Amino acid sequence: FPDKYCLRPMSDYTKKPPGLLQFWSHSGLTPGEESVLQQITAGYRA
């Protein structure tokens, strides 16, 4: 169904950033990662 989608090569990645960070839950949540998550989500109830 290529006509139904906008097919985008990963070489265009920087032209349209995902607005998302992905971690690796299987390794467990480290204190450093949790600190980053807290900073990103701060004010989520604002």
All heavy atoms as atom14 arrays in JSON, in Angstrom:
{
  "sequence": "FPDKYCLRPMSDYTKKPPGLLQFWSHSGLTPGEESVLQQITAGYRA",
  "atom14_mask": [
    [1, 1, 1, 1, 1, 1, 1, 1, 1, 1, 1, 0, 0, 0],
    [1, 1, 1, 1, 1, 1, 1, 0, 0, 0, 0, 0, 0, 0],
    [1, 1, 1, 1, 1, 1, 1, 1, 0, 0, 0, 0, 0, 0],
    [1, 1, 1, 1, 1, 1, 1, 1, 1, 0, 0, 0, 0, 0],
    [1, 1, 1, 1, 1, 1, 1, 1, 1, 1, 1, 1, 0, 0],
    [1, 1, 1, 1, 1, 1, 0, 0, 0, 0, 0, 0, 0, 0],
    [1, 1, 1, 1, 1, 1, 1, 1, 0, 0, 0, 0, 0, 0],
    [1, 1, 1, 1, 1, 1, 1, 1, 1, 1, 1, 0, 0, 0],
    [1, 1, 1, 1, 1, 1, 1, 0, 0, 0, 0, 0, 0, 0],
    [1, 1, 1, 1, 1, 1, 1, 1, 0, 0, 0, 0, 0, 0],
    [1, 1, 1, 1, 1, 1, 0, 0, 0, 0, 0, 0, 0, 0],
    [1, 1, 1, 1, 1, 1, 1, 1, 0, 0, 0, 0, 0, 0],
    [1, 1, 1, 1, 1, 1, 1, 1, 1, 1, 1, 1, 0, 0],
    [1, 1, 1, 1, 1, 1, 1, 0, 0, 0, 0, 0, 0, 0],
    [1, 1, 1, 1, 1, 1, 1, 1, 1, 0, 0, 0, 0, 0],
    [1, 1, 1, 1, 1, 1, 1, 1, 1, 0, 0, 0, 0, 0],
    [1, 1, 1, 1, 1, 1, 1, 0, 0, 0, 0, 0, 0, 0],
    [1, 1, 1, 1, 1, 1, 1, 0, 0, 0, 0, 0, 0, 0],
    [1, 1, 1, 1, 0, 0, 0, 0, 0, 0, 0, 0, 0, 0],
    [1, 1, 1, 1, 1, 1, 1, 1, 0, 0, 0, 0, 0, 0],
    [1, 1, 1, 1, 1, 1, 1, 1, 0, 0, 0, 0, 0, 0],
    [1, 1, 1, 1, 1, 1, 1, 1, 1, 0, 0, 0, 0, 0],
    [1, 1, 1, 1, 1, 1, 1, 1, 1, 1, 1, 0, 0, 0],
    [1, 1, 1, 1, 1, 1, 1, 1, 1, 1, 1, 1, 1, 1],
    [1, 1, 1, 1, 1, 1, 0, 0, 0, 0, 0, 0, 0, 0],
    [1, 1, 1, 1, 1, 1, 1, 1, 1, 1, 0, 0, 0, 0],
    [1, 1, 1, 1, 1, 1, 0, 0, 0, 0, 0, 0, 0, 0],
    [1, 1, 1, 1, 0, 0, 0, 0, 0, 0, 0, 0, 0, 0],
    [1, 1, 1, 1, 1, 1, 1, 1, 0, 0, 0, 0, 0, 0],
    [1, 1, 1, 1, 1, 1, 1, 0, 0, 0, 0, 0, 0, 0],
    [1, 1, 1, 1, 1, 1, 1, 0, 0, 0, 0, 0, 0, 0],
    [1, 1, 1, 1, 0, 0, 0, 0, 0, 0, 0, 0, 0, 0],
    [1, 1, 1, 1, 1, 1, 1, 1, 1, 0, 0, 0, 0, 0],
    [1, 1, 1, 1, 1, 1, 1, 1, 1, 0, 0, 0, 0, 0],
    [1, 1, 1, 1, 1, 1, 0, 0, 0, 0, 0, 0, 0, 0],
    [1, 1, 1, 1, 1, 1, 1, 0, 0, 0, 0, 0, 0, 0],
    [1, 1, 1, 1, 1, 1, 1, 1, 0, 0, 0, 0, 0, 0],
    [1, 1, 1, 1, 1, 1, 1, 1, 1, 0, 0, 0, 0, 0],
    [1, 1, 1, 1, 1, 1, 1, 1, 1, 0, 0, 0, 0, 0],
    [1, 1, 1, 1, 1, 1, 1, 1, 0, 0, 0, 0, 0, 0],
    [1, 1, 1, 1, 1, 1, 1, 0, 0, 0, 0, 0, 0, 0],
    [1, 1, 1, 1, 1, 0, 0, 0, 0, 0, 0, 0, 0, 0],
    [1, 1, 1, 1, 0, 0, 0, 0, 0, 0, 0, 0, 0, 0],
    [1, 1, 1, 1, 1, 1, 1, 1, 1, 1, 1, 1, 0, 0],
    [1, 1, 1, 1, 1, 1, 1, 1, 1, 1, 1, 0, 0, 0],
    [1, 1, 1, 1, 1, 0, 0, 0, 0, 0, 0, 0, 0, 0]
  ],
  "atom14_positions": [
    [[0.82, -1.21, 0.0], [0.0, 0.0, 0.0], [0.86, 1.27, 0.0], [0.6, 2.2, 0.77], [-0.94, 0.01, 1.22], [-1.75, -1.23, 1.39], [-1.43, -2.16, 2.36], [-2.84, -1.47, 0.56], [-2.19, -3.32, 2.52], [-3.6, -2.63, 0.71], [-3.28, -3.55, 1.69], [0.0, 0.0, 0.0], [0.0, 0.0, 0.0], [0.0, 0.0, 0.0]],
    [[1.86, 1.35, -0.83], [2.78, 2.51, -0.77], [2.09, 3.84, -1.05], [2.54, 4.87, -0.55], [3.83, 2.19, -1.84], [3.13, 1.26, -2.79], [2.24, 0.43, -1.91], [0.0, 0.0, 0.0], [0.0, 0.0, 0.0], [0.0, 0.0, 0.0], [0.0, 0.0, 0.0], [0.0, 0.0, 0.0], [0.0, 0.0, 0.0], [0.0, 0.0, 0.0]],
    [[1.01, 3.83, -1.81], [0.31, 5.07, -2.13], [-0.5, 5.6, -0.96], [-0.92, 6.76, -0.97], [-0.61, 4.87, -3.34], [-1.65, 3.79, -3.1], [-1.3, 2.73, -2.54], [-2.82, 4.0, -3.46], [0.0, 0.0, 0.0], [0.0, 0.0, 0.0], [0.0, 0.0, 0.0], [0.0, 0.0, 0.0], [0.0, 0.0, 0.0], [0.0, 0.0, 0.0]],
    [[-0.69, 4.76, 0.06], [-1.49, 5.16, 1.23], [-0.64, 5.8, 2.32], [-1.18, 6.3, 3.31], [-2.2, 3.94, 1.82], [-3.09, 3.19, 0.85], [-4.33, 3.96, 0.48], [-5.27, 3.11, -0.37], [-6.45, 3.9, -0.83], [0.0, 0.0, 0.0], [0.0, 0.0, 0.0], [0.0, 0.0, 0.0], [0.0, 0.0, 0.0], [0.0, 0.0, 0.0]],
    [[0.68, 5.76, 2.17], [1.59, 6.23, 3.21], [2.62, 7.18, 2.66], [2.86, 7.23, 1.45], [2.31, 5.03, 3.86], [1.35, 4.06, 4.49], [0.84, 3.0, 3.76], [0.93, 4.23, 5.8], [-0.08, 2.12, 4.33], [0.02, 3.36, 6.37], [-0.49, 2.32, 5.63], [-1.4, 1.47, 6.19], [0.0, 0.0, 0.0], [0.0, 0.0, 0.0]],
    [[3.24, 7.93, 3.55], [4.41, 8.72, 3.19], [5.63, 7.91, 3.61], [5.9, 7.78, 4.82], [4.39, 10.08, 3.88], [5.83, 11.09, 3.47], [0.0, 0.0, 0.0], [0.0, 0.0, 0.0], [0.0, 0.0, 0.0], [0.0, 0.0, 0.0], [0.0, 0.0, 0.0], [0.0, 0.0, 0.0], [0.0, 0.0, 0.0], [0.0, 0.0, 0.0]],
    [[6.31, 7.32, 2.65], [7.47, 6.48, 2.93], [8.69, 7.36, 3.11], [9.1, 8.07, 2.19], [7.67, 5.48, 1.79], [6.46, 4.61, 1.45], [6.75, 3.71, 0.27], [6.01, 3.8, 2.66], [0.0, 0.0, 0.0], [0.0, 0.0, 0.0], [0.0, 0.0, 0.0], [0.0, 0.0, 0.0], [0.0, 0.0, 0.0], [0.0, 0.0, 0.0]],
    [[9.29, 7.3, 4.3], [10.37, 8.22, 4.63], [11.63, 7.44, 5.01], [11.61, 6.63, 5.94], [9.98, 9.13, 5.79], [8.7, 9.92, 5.54], [8.52, 10.98, 6.59], [9.57, 11.97, 6.52], [9.35, 13.28, 6.34], [8.13, 13.73, 6.2], [10.36, 14.11, 6.3], [0.0, 0.0, 0.0], [0.0, 0.0, 0.0], [0.0, 0.0, 0.0]],
    [[12.74, 7.66, 4.31], [13.99, 6.98, 4.65], [14.57, 7.53, 5.95], [14.39, 8.71, 6.28], [14.89, 7.28, 3.46], [14.4, 8.6, 2.95], [12.9, 8.57, 3.15], [0.0, 0.0, 0.0], [0.0, 0.0, 0.0], [0.0, 0.0, 0.0], [0.0, 0.0, 0.0], [0.0, 0.0, 0.0], [0.0, 0.0, 0.0], [0.0, 0.0, 0.0]],
    [[15.27, 6.7, 6.67], [15.88, 7.14, 7.91], [16.93, 8.21, 7.7], [17.3, 8.92, 8.64], [16.49, 5.94, 8.65], [15.46, 5.07, 9.34], [14.56, 5.94, 10.65], [15.85, 6.2, 11.85], [0.0, 0.0, 0.0], [0.0, 0.0, 0.0], [0.0, 0.0, 0.0], [0.0, 0.0, 0.0], [0.0, 0.0, 0.0], [0.0, 0.0, 0.0]],
    [[17.39, 8.37, 6.49], [18.33, 9.46, 6.19], [17.67, 10.83, 6.36], [18.36, 11.85, 6.47], [18.88, 9.32, 4.78], [17.83, 9.29, 3.82], [0.0, 0.0, 0.0], [0.0, 0.0, 0.0], [0.0, 0.0, 0.0], [0.0, 0.0, 0.0], [0.0, 0.0, 0.0], [0.0, 0.0, 0.0], [0.0, 0.0, 0.0], [0.0, 0.0, 0.0]],
    [[16.34, 10.86, 6.4], [15.6, 12.11, 6.63], [15.32, 12.36, 8.11], [14.58, 13.29, 8.45], [14.26, 12.07, 5.89], [14.4, 12.36, 4.41], [15.51, 12.72, 3.99], [13.4, 12.21, 3.68], [0.0, 0.0, 0.0], [0.0, 0.0, 0.0], [0.0, 0.0, 0.0], [0.0, 0.0, 0.0], [0.0, 0.0, 0.0], [0.0, 0.0, 0.0]],
    [[15.9, 11.54, 8.98], [15.56, 11.57, 10.41], [15.64, 12.97, 11.01], [14.74, 13.41, 11.72], [16.5, 10.63, 11.15], [16.21, 10.47, 12.63], [15.38, 9.45, 13.08], [16.79, 11.32, 13.58], [15.12, 9.28, 14.43], [16.53, 11.15, 14.93], [15.69, 10.14, 15.34], [15.43, 9.99, 16.67], [0.0, 0.0, 0.0], [0.0, 0.0, 0.0]],
    [[16.72, 13.69, 10.71], [16.91, 15.0, 11.33], [15.94, 16.05, 10.77], [15.77, 17.1, 11.38], [18.36, 15.49, 11.14], [18.66, 15.54, 9.74], [19.33, 14.56, 11.84], [0.0, 0.0, 0.0], [0.0, 0.0, 0.0], [0.0, 0.0, 0.0], [0.0, 0.0, 0.0], [0.0, 0.0, 0.0], [0.0, 0.0, 0.0], [0.0, 0.0, 0.0]],
    [[15.34, 15.76, 9.62], [14.39, 16.7, 9.05], [13.05, 16.68, 9.78], [12.28, 17.65, 9.72], [14.16, 16.39, 7.57], [15.41, 16.54, 6.7], [15.11, 16.16, 5.26], [16.36, 16.26, 4.4], [16.1, 15.86, 2.99], [0.0, 0.0, 0.0], [0.0, 0.0, 0.0], [0.0, 0.0, 0.0], [0.0, 0.0, 0.0], [0.0, 0.0, 0.0]],
    [[12.79, 15.59, 10.49], [11.53, 15.47, 11.22], [11.78, 14.64, 12.48], [11.47, 13.46, 12.54], [10.46, 14.81, 10.35], [9.05, 14.97, 10.89], [8.02, 14.44, 9.89], [6.61, 14.74, 10.39], [5.57, 14.23, 9.47], [0.0, 0.0, 0.0], [0.0, 0.0, 0.0], [0.0, 0.0, 0.0], [0.0, 0.0, 0.0], [0.0, 0.0, 0.0]],
    [[12.35, 15.27, 13.51], [12.66, 14.54, 14.74], [11.39, 13.93, 15.35], [10.29, 14.46, 15.21], [13.24, 15.63, 15.65], [13.72, 16.69, 14.71], [12.76, 16.68, 13.56], [0.0, 0.0, 0.0], [0.0, 0.0, 0.0], [0.0, 0.0, 0.0], [0.0, 0.0, 0.0], [0.0, 0.0, 0.0], [0.0, 0.0, 0.0], [0.0, 0.0, 0.0]],
    [[11.53, 12.81, 16.06], [10.36, 12.1, 16.57], [9.69, 12.74, 17.77], [8.55, 12.4, 18.1], [10.92, 10.72, 16.93], [12.35, 10.99, 17.26], [12.78, 12.07, 16.3], [0.0, 0.0, 0.0], [0.0, 0.0, 0.0], [0.0, 0.0, 0.0], [0.0, 0.0, 0.0], [0.0, 0.0, 0.0], [0.0, 0.0, 0.0], [0.0, 0.0, 0.0]],
    [[10.39, 13.65, 18.47], [9.79, 14.24, 19.67], [9.6, 13.23, 20.78], [8.66, 13.32, 21.57], [0.0, 0.0, 0.0], [0.0, 0.0, 0.0], [0.0, 0.0, 0.0], [0.0, 0.0, 0.0], [0.0, 0.0, 0.0], [0.0, 0.0, 0.0], [0.0, 0.0, 0.0], [0.0, 0.0, 0.0], [0.0, 0.0, 0.0], [0.0, 0.0, 0.0]],
    [[10.51, 12.27, 20.85], [10.37, 11.14, 21.78], [11.74, 10.58, 22.09], [12.63, 10.57, 21.23], [9.47, 10.09, 21.14], [9.29, 8.73, 21.8], [7.88, 8.18, 21.5], [10.32, 7.72, 21.29], [0.0, 0.0, 0.0], [0.0, 0.0, 0.0], [0.0, 0.0, 0.0], [0.0, 0.0, 0.0], [0.0, 0.0, 0.0], [0.0, 0.0, 0.0]],
    [[11.91, 10.11, 23.31], [13.11, 9.38, 23.69], [12.72, 7.95, 24.05], [11.73, 7.73, 24.75], [13.8, 10.02, 24.89], [14.62, 11.3, 24.66], [15.19, 11.77, 25.98], [15.74, 11.05, 23.65], [0.0, 0.0, 0.0], [0.0, 0.0, 0.0], [0.0, 0.0, 0.0], [0.0, 0.0, 0.0], [0.0, 0.0, 0.0], [0.0, 0.0, 0.0]],
    [[13.5, 7.0, 23.58], [13.26, 5.6, 23.92], [14.4, 5.08, 24.77], [15.57, 5.3, 24.47], [13.12, 4.74, 22.66], [12.81, 3.28, 22.96], [12.66, 2.43, 21.71], [12.92, 2.91, 20.61], [12.23, 1.2, 21.88], [0.0, 0.0, 0.0], [0.0, 0.0, 0.0], [0.0, 0.0, 0.0], [0.0, 0.0, 0.0], [0.0, 0.0, 0.0]],
    [[14.03, 4.39, 25.85], [15.01, 3.79, 26.74], [14.97, 2.27, 26.54], [14.41, 1.78, 25.56], [14.73, 4.19, 28.19], [14.92, 5.67, 28.45], [13.91, 6.58, 28.15], [16.1, 6.14, 29.0], [14.09, 7.94, 28.38], [16.28, 7.49, 29.25], [15.27, 8.39, 28.93], [0.0, 0.0, 0.0], [0.0, 0.0, 0.0], [0.0, 0.0, 0.0]],
    [[15.55, 1.54, 27.47], [15.6, 0.07, 27.39], [15.18, -0.48, 28.73], [15.97, -0.62, 29.66], [17.02, -0.38, 27.02], [17.19, -1.86, 26.86], [17.92, -2.69, 27.67], [16.62, -2.7, 25.85], [17.84, -3.99, 27.22], [17.06, -4.02, 26.11], [15.79, -2.46, 24.76], [16.68, -5.11, 25.3], [15.43, -3.54, 23.96], [15.87, -4.83, 24.23]],
    [[13.88, -0.78, 28.85], [13.34, -1.15, 30.15], [13.93, -2.45, 30.69], [13.99, -2.64, 31.91], [11.81, -1.29, 30.05], [11.44, -2.34, 29.17], [0.0, 0.0, 0.0], [0.0, 0.0, 0.0], [0.0, 0.0, 0.0], [0.0, 0.0, 0.0], [0.0, 0.0, 0.0], [0.0, 0.0, 0.0], [0.0, 0.0, 0.0], [0.0, 0.0, 0.0]],
    [[14.39, -3.34, 29.82], [14.88, -4.63, 30.28], [16.13, -4.5, 31.14], [16.45, -5.41, 31.91], [15.16, -5.54, 29.07], [13.94, -5.85, 28.27], [12.96, -6.72, 28.71], [13.52, -5.41, 27.06], [12.0, -6.8, 27.82], [12.31, -6.01, 26.81], [0.0, 0.0, 0.0], [0.0, 0.0, 0.0], [0.0, 0.0, 0.0], [0.0, 0.0, 0.0]],
    [[16.84, -3.42, 31.01], [18.04, -3.24, 31.81], [17.75, -2.64, 33.18], [18.64, -2.48, 34.0], [19.04, -2.33, 31.07], [18.49, -1.03, 30.89], [0.0, 0.0, 0.0], [0.0, 0.0, 0.0], [0.0, 0.0, 0.0], [0.0, 0.0, 0.0], [0.0, 0.0, 0.0], [0.0, 0.0, 0.0], [0.0, 0.0, 0.0], [0.0, 0.0, 0.0]],
    [[16.47, -2.29, 33.44], [16.1, -1.68, 34.7], [16.23, -0.18, 34.65], [16.96, 0.37, 33.82], [0.0, 0.0, 0.0], [0.0, 0.0, 0.0], [0.0, 0.0, 0.0], [0.0, 0.0, 0.0], [0.0, 0.0, 0.0], [0.0, 0.0, 0.0], [0.0, 0.0, 0.0], [0.0, 0.0, 0.0], [0.0, 0.0, 0.0], [0.0, 0.0, 0.0]],
    [[15.51, 0.49, 35.52], [15.5, 1.95, 35.56], [16.6, 2.42, 36.51], [16.51, 2.26, 37.73], [14.14, 2.46, 36.03], [13.94, 3.97, 36.12], [14.21, 4.63, 34.77], [12.52, 4.29, 36.6], [0.0, 0.0, 0.0], [0.0, 0.0, 0.0], [0.0, 0.0, 0.0], [0.0, 0.0, 0.0], [0.0, 0.0, 0.0], [0.0, 0.0, 0.0]],
    [[17.66, 3.02, 35.96], [18.77, 3.48, 36.78], [18.44, 4.85, 37.39], [17.58, 5.58, 36.86], [20.05, 3.6, 35.95], [19.89, 4.69, 35.0], [20.35, 2.31, 35.21], [0.0, 0.0, 0.0], [0.0, 0.0, 0.0], [0.0, 0.0, 0.0], [0.0, 0.0, 0.0], [0.0, 0.0, 0.0], [0.0, 0.0, 0.0], [0.0, 0.0, 0.0]],
    [[19.12, 5.24, 38.48], [18.9, 6.57, 39.05], [19.14, 7.68, 38.05], [18.42, 8.68, 38.03], [19.9, 6.62, 40.2], [20.1, 5.19, 40.6], [20.02, 4.42, 39.31], [0.0, 0.0, 0.0], [0.0, 0.0, 0.0], [0.0, 0.0, 0.0], [0.0, 0.0, 0.0], [0.0, 0.0, 0.0], [0.0, 0.0, 0.0], [0.0, 0.0, 0.0]],
    [[20.15, 7.52, 37.19], [20.42, 8.54, 36.19], [19.29, 8.67, 35.18], [18.9, 9.78, 34.81], [0.0, 0.0, 0.0], [0.0, 0.0, 0.0], [0.0, 0.0, 0.0], [0.0, 0.0, 0.0], [0.0, 0.0, 0.0], [0.0, 0.0, 0.0], [0.0, 0.0, 0.0], [0.0, 0.0, 0.0], [0.0, 0.0, 0.0], [0.0, 0.0, 0.0]],
    [[18.76, 7.54, 34.74], [17.64, 7.57, 33.8], [16.4, 8.17, 34.45], [15.68, 8.96, 33.82], [17.33, 6.15, 33.31], [18.38, 5.59, 32.37], [18.17, 4.12, 32.08], [17.62, 3.4, 32.95], [18.56, 3.68, 30.98], [0.0, 0.0, 0.0], [0.0, 0.0, 0.0], [0.0, 0.0, 0.0], [0.0, 0.0, 0.0], [0.0, 0.0, 0.0]],
    [[16.15, 7.82, 35.7], [14.98, 8.37, 36.38], [15.1, 9.88, 36.53], [14.11, 10.61, 36.41], [14.78, 7.71, 37.73], [13.46, 8.13, 38.4], [12.99, 7.14, 39.43], [13.82, 6.37, 39.98], [11.78, 7.13, 39.71], [0.0, 0.0, 0.0], [0.0, 0.0, 0.0], [0.0, 0.0, 0.0], [0.0, 0.0, 0.0], [0.0, 0.0, 0.0]],
    [[16.3, 10.37, 36.77], [16.5, 11.81, 36.86], [16.15, 12.49, 35.54], [15.5, 13.55, 35.53], [17.95, 12.11, 37.25], [18.18, 13.5, 37.28], [0.0, 0.0, 0.0], [0.0, 0.0, 0.0], [0.0, 0.0, 0.0], [0.0, 0.0, 0.0], [0.0, 0.0, 0.0], [0.0, 0.0, 0.0], [0.0, 0.0, 0.0], [0.0, 0.0, 0.0]],
    [[16.56, 11.89, 34.43], [16.23, 12.43, 33.11], [14.72, 12.43, 32.89], [14.14, 13.41, 32.42], [16.94, 11.62, 32.0], [16.43, 12.04, 30.62], [18.44, 11.81, 32.08], [0.0, 0.0, 0.0], [0.0, 0.0, 0.0], [0.0, 0.0, 0.0], [0.0, 0.0, 0.0], [0.0, 0.0, 0.0], [0.0, 0.0, 0.0], [0.0, 0.0, 0.0]],
    [[14.08, 11.34, 33.26], [12.63, 11.22, 33.09], [11.89, 12.26, 33.94], [10.89, 12.83, 33.5], [12.17, 9.81, 33.45], [12.65, 8.69, 32.54], [12.28, 7.32, 33.11], [12.07, 8.84, 31.14], [0.0, 0.0, 0.0], [0.0, 0.0, 0.0], [0.0, 0.0, 0.0], [0.0, 0.0, 0.0], [0.0, 0.0, 0.0], [0.0, 0.0, 0.0]],
    [[12.38, 12.49, 35.14], [11.75, 13.49, 36.0], [11.88, 14.88, 35.41], [10.93, 15.68, 35.45], [12.4, 13.43, 37.39], [12.03, 12.19, 38.19], [12.85, 12.04, 39.46], [13.87, 12.72, 39.65], [12.42, 11.16, 40.35], [0.0, 0.0, 0.0], [0.0, 0.0, 0.0], [0.0, 0.0, 0.0], [0.0, 0.0, 0.0], [0.0, 0.0, 0.0]],
    [[13.02, 15.17, 34.82], [13.21, 16.49, 34.2], [12.29, 16.67, 33.0], [11.68, 17.73, 32.82], [14.66, 16.65, 33.78], [15.66, 16.74, 34.94], [17.09, 16.8, 34.45], [17.41, 17.49, 33.48], [17.98, 16.06, 35.1], [0.0, 0.0, 0.0], [0.0, 0.0, 0.0], [0.0, 0.0, 0.0], [0.0, 0.0, 0.0], [0.0, 0.0, 0.0]],
    [[12.17, 15.63, 32.17], [11.34, 15.73, 30.96], [9.87, 15.9, 31.33], [9.15, 16.69, 30.69], [11.52, 14.47, 30.09], [12.93, 14.43, 29.49], [10.47, 14.43, 28.96], [13.27, 13.14, 28.8], [0.0, 0.0, 0.0], [0.0, 0.0, 0.0], [0.0, 0.0, 0.0], [0.0, 0.0, 0.0], [0.0, 0.0, 0.0], [0.0, 0.0, 0.0]],
    [[9.41, 15.19, 32.34], [7.98, 15.19, 32.67], [7.61, 16.23, 33.75], [6.45, 16.3, 34.13], [7.53, 13.8, 33.12], [8.27, 13.4, 34.28], [7.75, 12.78, 32.01], [0.0, 0.0, 0.0], [0.0, 0.0, 0.0], [0.0, 0.0, 0.0], [0.0, 0.0, 0.0], [0.0, 0.0, 0.0], [0.0, 0.0, 0.0], [0.0, 0.0, 0.0]],
    [[8.57, 16.99, 34.22], [8.27, 17.99, 35.24], [7.15, 18.92, 34.75], [7.15, 19.36, 33.61], [9.51, 18.81, 35.56], [0.0, 0.0, 0.0], [0.0, 0.0, 0.0], [0.0, 0.0, 0.0], [0.0, 0.0, 0.0], [0.0, 0.0, 0.0], [0.0, 0.0, 0.0], [0.0, 0.0, 0.0], [0.0, 0.0, 0.0], [0.0, 0.0, 0.0]],
    [[6.2, 19.19, 35.63], [5.09, 20.06, 35.27], [4.02, 19.38, 34.45], [3.2, 20.06, 33.8], [0.0, 0.0, 0.0], [0.0, 0.0, 0.0], [0.0, 0.0, 0.0], [0.0, 0.0, 0.0], [0.0, 0.0, 0.0], [0.0, 0.0, 0.0], [0.0, 0.0, 0.0], [0.0, 0.0, 0.0], [0.0, 0.0, 0.0], [0.0, 0.0, 0.0]],
    [[3.96, 18.07, 34.52], [2.99, 17.34, 33.69], [1.55, 17.62, 34.1], [0.63, 17.41, 33.31], [3.26, 15.83, 33.74], [2.96, 15.17, 35.07], [1.75, 14.51, 35.27], [3.89, 15.19, 36.09], [1.47, 13.9, 36.49], [3.63, 14.58, 37.29], [2.42, 13.93, 37.49], [2.15, 13.32, 38.68], [0.0, 0.0, 0.0], [0.0, 0.0, 0.0]],
    [[1.33, 18.11, 35.29], [-0.03, 18.45, 35.73], [-0.27, 19.96, 35.65], [-1.27, 20.46, 36.15], [-0.28, 17.97, 37.16], [-0.44, 16.45, 37.26], [-1.83, 16.01, 36.85], [-1.89, 14.6, 36.56], [-2.15, 13.64, 37.46], [-2.37, 13.96, 38.71], [-2.21, 12.38, 37.08], [0.0, 0.0, 0.0], [0.0, 0.0, 0.0], [0.0, 0.0, 0.0]],
    [[0.64, 20.68, 35.02], [0.49, 22.15, 34.96], [-0.69, 22.53, 34.08], [-1.0, 21.87, 33.1], [1.77, 22.76, 34.41], [0.0, 0.0, 0.0], [0.0, 0.0, 0.0], [0.0, 0.0, 0.0], [0.0, 0.0, 0.0], [0.0, 0.0, 0.0], [0.0, 0.0, 0.0], [0.0, 0.0, 0.0], [0.0, 0.0, 0.0], [0.0, 0.0, 0.0]]
  ]
}
